[in-house]
N, C-alpha and C. Protein backbone atom coordinates (compact mmCIF):
# COMPACT_ATOMS: atom_id res chain seq x y z
N UNK A 1 -13.27 5.77 3.22
CA UNK A 1 -12.27 7.30 3.76
C UNK A 1 -12.67 8.38 2.93
N UNK A 2 -13.50 9.33 3.44
CA UNK A 2 -13.26 10.58 2.26
C UNK A 2 -12.78 11.16 1.48
N UNK A 3 -12.91 11.79 0.99
CA UNK A 3 -12.06 12.89 -0.40
C UNK A 3 -10.54 13.37 0.84
N UNK A 4 -10.79 13.98 1.22
CA UNK A 4 -9.68 15.15 1.94
C UNK A 4 -9.10 14.20 2.83
N UNK A 5 -9.43 13.48 3.42
CA UNK A 5 -8.28 12.30 4.06
C UNK A 5 -7.66 11.37 2.98
N UNK A 6 -8.47 10.82 2.11
CA UNK A 6 -7.42 10.16 1.09
C UNK A 6 -6.18 11.24 0.35
N UNK A 7 -7.00 12.39 0.21
CA UNK A 7 -5.69 13.30 -0.54
C UNK A 7 -4.75 13.61 0.58
N UNK A 8 -4.94 13.66 1.58
CA UNK A 8 -3.62 13.71 2.31
C UNK A 8 -2.71 11.78 1.98
N UNK A 9 -3.10 10.74 1.92
CA UNK A 9 -2.46 10.01 2.08
C UNK A 9 -1.67 10.42 0.70
N UNK A 10 -2.32 10.51 -0.77
CA UNK A 10 -1.87 10.64 -1.70
C UNK A 10 -0.63 11.49 -1.72
N UNK A 11 -1.03 12.39 -1.12
CA UNK A 11 0.01 13.77 -0.64
C UNK A 11 1.26 13.64 -0.45
N UNK A 12 0.93 12.58 0.54
CA UNK A 12 2.31 12.29 1.35
C UNK A 12 3.44 11.53 0.97
N UNK A 13 2.32 10.84 -0.24
CA UNK A 13 2.74 8.60 -0.98
C UNK A 13 3.62 9.69 -1.74
N UNK A 14 3.38 11.06 -2.37
CA UNK A 14 3.71 11.71 -3.76
C UNK A 14 5.58 12.35 -3.78
N UNK A 15 5.76 11.91 -2.22
CA UNK A 15 7.14 11.83 -2.28
C UNK A 15 8.04 11.11 -1.83
N UNK A 16 9.68 10.96 -2.64
CA UNK A 16 10.20 9.62 -2.94
C UNK A 16 10.44 9.33 -0.82
N UNK A 17 11.07 10.60 0.06
CA UNK A 17 11.18 10.30 0.87
C UNK A 17 10.22 9.54 2.08
N UNK A 18 9.07 10.12 2.00
CA UNK A 18 7.93 10.22 2.08
C UNK A 18 7.94 8.53 2.05
N UNK A 19 7.44 7.69 0.67
CA UNK A 19 7.23 6.67 0.29
C UNK A 19 8.68 5.70 1.00
N UNK A 20 9.89 5.85 1.24
CA UNK A 20 10.77 5.14 2.08
C UNK A 20 10.68 5.54 3.05
N UNK A 21 10.16 6.44 3.79
CA UNK A 21 10.47 5.98 5.04
C UNK A 21 8.87 5.19 5.82
N UNK A 22 7.79 5.09 4.40
CA UNK A 22 7.06 4.08 5.22
C UNK A 22 7.00 2.81 4.97
N UNK A 23 8.29 1.87 3.48
CA UNK A 23 8.10 1.04 3.62
C UNK A 23 9.07 0.41 4.91
N UNK A 24 10.13 1.45 4.75
CA UNK A 24 11.02 0.99 6.18
C UNK A 24 10.41 0.49 7.34
N UNK A 25 9.30 1.30 7.94
CA UNK A 25 8.43 1.52 8.87
C UNK A 25 7.38 -0.09 8.74
N UNK A 26 7.00 -0.60 7.09
CA UNK A 26 6.33 -1.00 6.92
C UNK A 26 6.47 -3.08 7.38
N UNK A 27 7.66 -3.19 8.09
CA UNK A 27 8.26 -4.44 8.28
C UNK A 27 7.69 -4.37 9.83
N UNK A 28 7.17 -3.97 10.33
CA UNK A 28 6.49 -3.72 12.30
C UNK A 28 7.32 -2.89 12.84
N UNK A 29 8.74 -2.27 12.40
CA UNK A 29 10.08 -2.26 13.41
C UNK A 29 9.31 -0.62 13.57
N UNK A 30 9.70 -0.58 14.77
CA UNK A 30 9.53 1.12 14.90
C UNK A 30 10.96 2.15 14.76
N UNK A 31 11.07 3.65 14.71
CA UNK A 31 12.93 4.34 14.21
C UNK A 31 12.21 4.93 15.06
N UNK A 32 13.18 6.48 15.71
CA UNK A 32 12.88 7.68 16.30
C UNK A 32 14.12 8.02 14.74
N UNK A 33 12.88 9.02 14.97
CA UNK A 33 13.33 10.50 13.78
C UNK A 33 15.19 10.26 13.69
N UNK A 34 16.18 10.16 14.67
CA UNK A 34 17.34 10.22 14.57
C UNK A 34 17.73 8.72 14.06
N UNK A 35 17.34 8.31 13.94
CA UNK A 35 17.17 6.64 13.45
C UNK A 35 17.15 6.40 11.70
N UNK A 36 16.07 7.12 11.58
CA UNK A 36 15.51 7.20 9.82
C UNK A 36 16.89 9.10 9.38
N UNK A 37 16.75 9.86 9.62
CA UNK A 37 17.83 10.50 9.60
C UNK A 37 18.93 9.97 9.22
N UNK A 38 19.59 8.73 10.01
CA UNK A 38 20.88 7.98 8.95
C UNK A 38 20.88 7.55 7.99
N UNK A 39 19.79 6.97 7.58
CA UNK A 39 19.06 5.99 6.62
C UNK A 39 19.28 7.50 5.23
N UNK A 40 18.78 8.62 5.45
CA UNK A 40 18.65 9.40 4.49
C UNK A 40 19.91 10.06 4.25
N UNK A 41 19.81 10.82 3.74
CA UNK A 41 20.95 12.59 2.81
C UNK A 41 19.95 13.14 3.35
N UNK A 42 20.39 13.45 4.40
CA UNK A 42 18.99 14.46 5.39
C UNK A 42 19.44 14.46 6.32
N UNK A 43 18.80 15.49 7.41
CA UNK A 43 19.29 16.31 8.63
C UNK A 43 18.12 15.63 9.62
N UNK A 44 18.25 15.42 11.15
CA UNK A 44 17.10 14.87 11.97
C UNK A 44 15.76 15.93 11.45
N UNK A 45 15.72 16.78 11.83
CA UNK A 45 14.80 18.07 11.81
C UNK A 45 13.82 17.68 9.93
N UNK A 46 14.77 17.19 9.11
CA UNK A 46 13.80 17.36 7.62
C UNK A 46 13.22 15.98 7.73
N UNK A 47 14.07 15.30 8.77
CA UNK A 47 12.96 13.41 8.86
C UNK A 47 11.90 14.30 9.41
N UNK A 48 12.18 14.37 10.57
CA UNK A 48 11.21 15.37 11.72
C UNK A 48 9.61 15.62 10.56
N UNK A 49 10.00 16.54 9.57
CA UNK A 49 9.23 17.49 9.22
C UNK A 49 8.89 16.41 7.81
N UNK A 50 9.23 15.40 7.19
CA UNK A 50 8.34 14.35 6.77
C UNK A 50 7.90 13.43 7.43
N UNK A 51 7.30 13.12 8.72
CA UNK A 51 6.88 12.49 9.85
C UNK A 51 5.75 13.38 10.05
N UNK A 52 5.95 14.20 10.20
CA UNK A 52 4.86 15.14 10.14
C UNK A 52 3.39 15.27 9.55
N UNK A 53 4.00 15.32 8.54
CA UNK A 53 3.30 14.78 7.32
C UNK A 53 2.92 13.83 6.48
N UNK A 54 3.56 12.46 7.46
CA UNK A 54 2.73 10.86 7.41
C UNK A 54 2.29 11.24 8.24
N UNK A 55 2.05 11.84 9.51
CA UNK A 55 1.28 11.84 11.03
C UNK A 55 0.14 12.29 10.25
N UNK A 56 -0.28 13.89 9.92
CA UNK A 56 -1.24 14.10 9.93
C UNK A 56 -2.17 12.97 8.11
N UNK A 57 -1.48 12.69 8.09
CA UNK A 57 -1.86 11.63 6.60
C UNK A 57 -2.83 10.28 7.10
N UNK A 58 -1.99 10.21 8.73
CA UNK A 58 -2.09 8.92 9.16
C UNK A 58 -1.98 7.75 8.73
N UNK A 59 -0.93 7.86 8.59
CA UNK A 59 -0.14 6.85 8.08
C UNK A 59 0.87 6.10 8.93
N UNK A 60 1.16 7.47 10.09
CA UNK A 60 2.74 7.13 11.44
C UNK A 60 1.58 7.00 12.26
N UNK A 61 2.17 6.71 13.63
CA UNK A 61 2.28 6.99 14.80
C UNK A 61 3.16 6.92 15.85
N UNK A 62 3.54 8.23 16.61
CA UNK A 62 4.49 7.58 17.29
C UNK A 62 3.66 7.18 19.31
N UNK A 63 4.87 7.08 19.88
CA UNK A 63 4.81 7.38 20.82
C UNK A 63 6.26 7.13 21.89
N UNK A 64 5.25 7.83 23.17
CA UNK A 64 7.39 7.54 23.81
C UNK A 64 7.99 6.77 24.35
N UNK A 65 9.09 6.41 24.28
CA UNK A 65 9.43 5.79 25.20
C UNK A 65 10.93 6.28 25.61
N UNK A 66 10.27 6.49 27.21
CA UNK A 66 11.74 7.59 27.89
C UNK A 66 12.19 8.55 26.90
N UNK A 67 13.28 8.74 26.80
CA UNK A 67 13.84 9.75 25.55
C UNK A 67 13.42 10.03 24.21
N UNK A 68 12.68 8.82 23.92
CA UNK A 68 12.85 8.95 22.14
C UNK A 68 11.80 9.12 22.44
N UNK A 69 10.76 9.21 20.82
CA UNK A 69 10.12 9.28 20.43
C UNK A 69 10.34 8.30 18.99
N UNK A 70 9.22 7.59 19.22
CA UNK A 70 9.09 6.24 18.75
C UNK A 70 8.29 5.86 17.45
N UNK A 71 8.38 5.92 16.13
CA UNK A 71 7.80 6.50 15.16
C UNK A 71 7.08 4.68 14.77
N UNK A 72 5.96 4.28 13.89
CA UNK A 72 5.23 3.01 13.78
C UNK A 72 4.78 3.94 12.36
N UNK A 73 4.47 2.41 11.92
CA UNK A 73 3.71 2.62 10.56
C UNK A 73 2.67 2.57 10.98
N UNK A 74 1.19 2.48 10.56
CA UNK A 74 -0.44 2.40 10.49
C UNK A 74 -1.02 2.48 9.01
N UNK A 75 -0.81 0.80 8.71
CA UNK A 75 -1.45 -0.04 7.12
C UNK A 75 -2.68 0.61 7.13
N UNK A 76 -3.65 1.03 7.64
CA UNK A 76 -4.63 1.69 7.15
C UNK A 76 -5.28 2.50 6.34
N UNK A 77 -4.85 3.46 6.23
CA UNK A 77 -4.88 4.42 5.30
C UNK A 77 -4.19 3.55 3.91
N UNK A 78 -4.05 3.05 3.87
CA UNK A 78 -2.48 2.21 2.95
C UNK A 78 -4.19 1.18 2.08
N UNK A 79 -4.81 0.84 2.84
CA UNK A 79 -5.80 -0.44 1.78
C UNK A 79 -6.93 0.88 2.17
N UNK A 80 -7.05 1.95 2.70
CA UNK A 80 -8.03 2.19 2.04
C UNK A 80 -7.94 3.00 0.85
N UNK A 81 -6.58 3.48 0.78
CA UNK A 81 -6.28 4.43 -0.82
C UNK A 81 -6.16 2.96 -1.60
N UNK A 82 -5.81 1.64 -1.18
CA UNK A 82 -5.69 1.15 -2.20
C UNK A 82 -6.80 0.66 -2.73
N UNK A 83 -8.28 0.25 -1.81
CA UNK A 83 -9.82 -0.10 -2.00
C UNK A 83 -9.88 1.01 -2.90
N UNK A 84 -9.41 2.57 -2.80
CA UNK A 84 -9.84 3.46 -4.20
C UNK A 84 -9.77 3.46 -5.23
N UNK A 85 -8.35 3.09 -5.30
CA UNK A 85 -7.37 2.19 -6.57
C UNK A 85 -7.67 2.05 -7.03
N UNK A 86 -8.85 0.69 -6.69
CA UNK A 86 -9.08 -0.44 -7.43
C UNK A 86 -10.33 -0.45 -7.65
N UNK A 87 -11.45 0.90 -7.11
CA UNK A 87 -12.67 0.83 -7.86
C UNK A 87 -12.29 1.87 -8.99
N UNK A 88 -12.08 3.03 -8.84
CA UNK A 88 -11.23 3.70 -10.15
C UNK A 88 -10.66 3.07 -10.86
N UNK A 89 -10.23 1.43 -11.25
CA UNK A 89 -9.28 1.59 -11.96
C UNK A 89 -10.25 0.32 -12.67
N UNK A 90 -11.22 0.09 -12.21
CA UNK A 90 -12.28 -0.82 -12.51
C UNK A 90 -13.25 -0.06 -13.22
N UNK A 91 -13.22 1.09 -13.03
CA UNK A 91 -14.00 2.10 -13.44
C UNK A 91 -13.77 2.26 -14.82
N UNK A 92 -12.36 2.55 -14.99
CA UNK A 92 -11.69 3.03 -16.12
C UNK A 92 -11.57 1.79 -17.28
N UNK A 93 -11.26 0.41 -16.62
CA UNK A 93 -11.53 -0.37 -17.41
C UNK A 93 -12.52 -0.54 -18.30
N UNK A 94 -14.03 -0.73 -17.41
CA UNK A 94 -14.78 -0.64 -18.04
C UNK A 94 -15.28 -0.06 -19.31
N UNK A 95 -14.74 2.11 -19.15
CA UNK A 95 -15.20 2.26 -20.14
C UNK A 95 -13.77 2.44 -21.20
N UNK A 96 -12.28 1.50 -21.46
CA UNK A 96 -11.84 1.23 -21.81
C UNK A 96 -12.74 0.04 -22.55
N UNK A 97 -13.20 -0.74 -21.71
CA UNK A 97 -13.96 -1.72 -23.09
C UNK A 97 -15.26 -1.09 -23.24
N UNK A 98 -15.09 -1.10 -23.13
CA UNK A 98 -16.67 0.09 -23.97
C UNK A 98 -16.50 0.63 -24.96
N UNK A 99 -15.31 1.26 -24.98
CA UNK A 99 -14.59 2.68 -26.18
C UNK A 99 -14.17 1.28 -26.90
N UNK A 100 -13.31 0.27 -26.59
CA UNK A 100 -12.95 -1.44 -27.30
C UNK A 100 -13.68 -1.57 -28.20
N UNK A 101 -15.56 -2.19 -27.63
CA UNK A 101 -16.58 -2.29 -28.51
C UNK A 101 -16.82 -1.76 -28.72
N UNK A 102 -17.37 0.04 -28.89
CA UNK A 102 -17.49 0.82 -29.49
C UNK A 102 -16.67 0.71 -31.25
N UNK A 103 -15.68 0.93 -30.61
CA UNK A 103 -14.39 1.01 -31.73
C UNK A 103 -14.68 -0.34 -32.98
N UNK A 104 -14.67 -1.70 -32.25
CA UNK A 104 -15.08 -2.54 -33.36
C UNK A 104 -16.07 -1.82 -34.16
N UNK A 105 -17.75 -1.83 -33.81
CA UNK A 105 -18.29 -1.79 -34.11
C UNK A 105 -18.78 -0.79 -35.29
N UNK A 106 -17.25 -0.19 -35.22
CA UNK A 106 -17.45 1.39 -36.15
C UNK A 106 -16.87 1.02 -37.21
């Protein structure tokens, strides 16, 4: 995943409401914006804006079912973000280990 899509994933997950929506949809269930709005202290329009950000980050897909639009989680970008975090974490672990060794020699 390139830097720009990865940045959109982290930006989308920076908001606590969007993280909550990702967790809710993470069970494999789908939900409408109205259903999600009932579970959060905000309007359907506010939830729709959060869903748009999640869609732009590739974290949520939607499908029309009759008159409803149902939203579902697409976990692939989460895996790519976790992979990036693991790589970055390993690099920092290595740097900190070298610093600790240098401090012990001093």
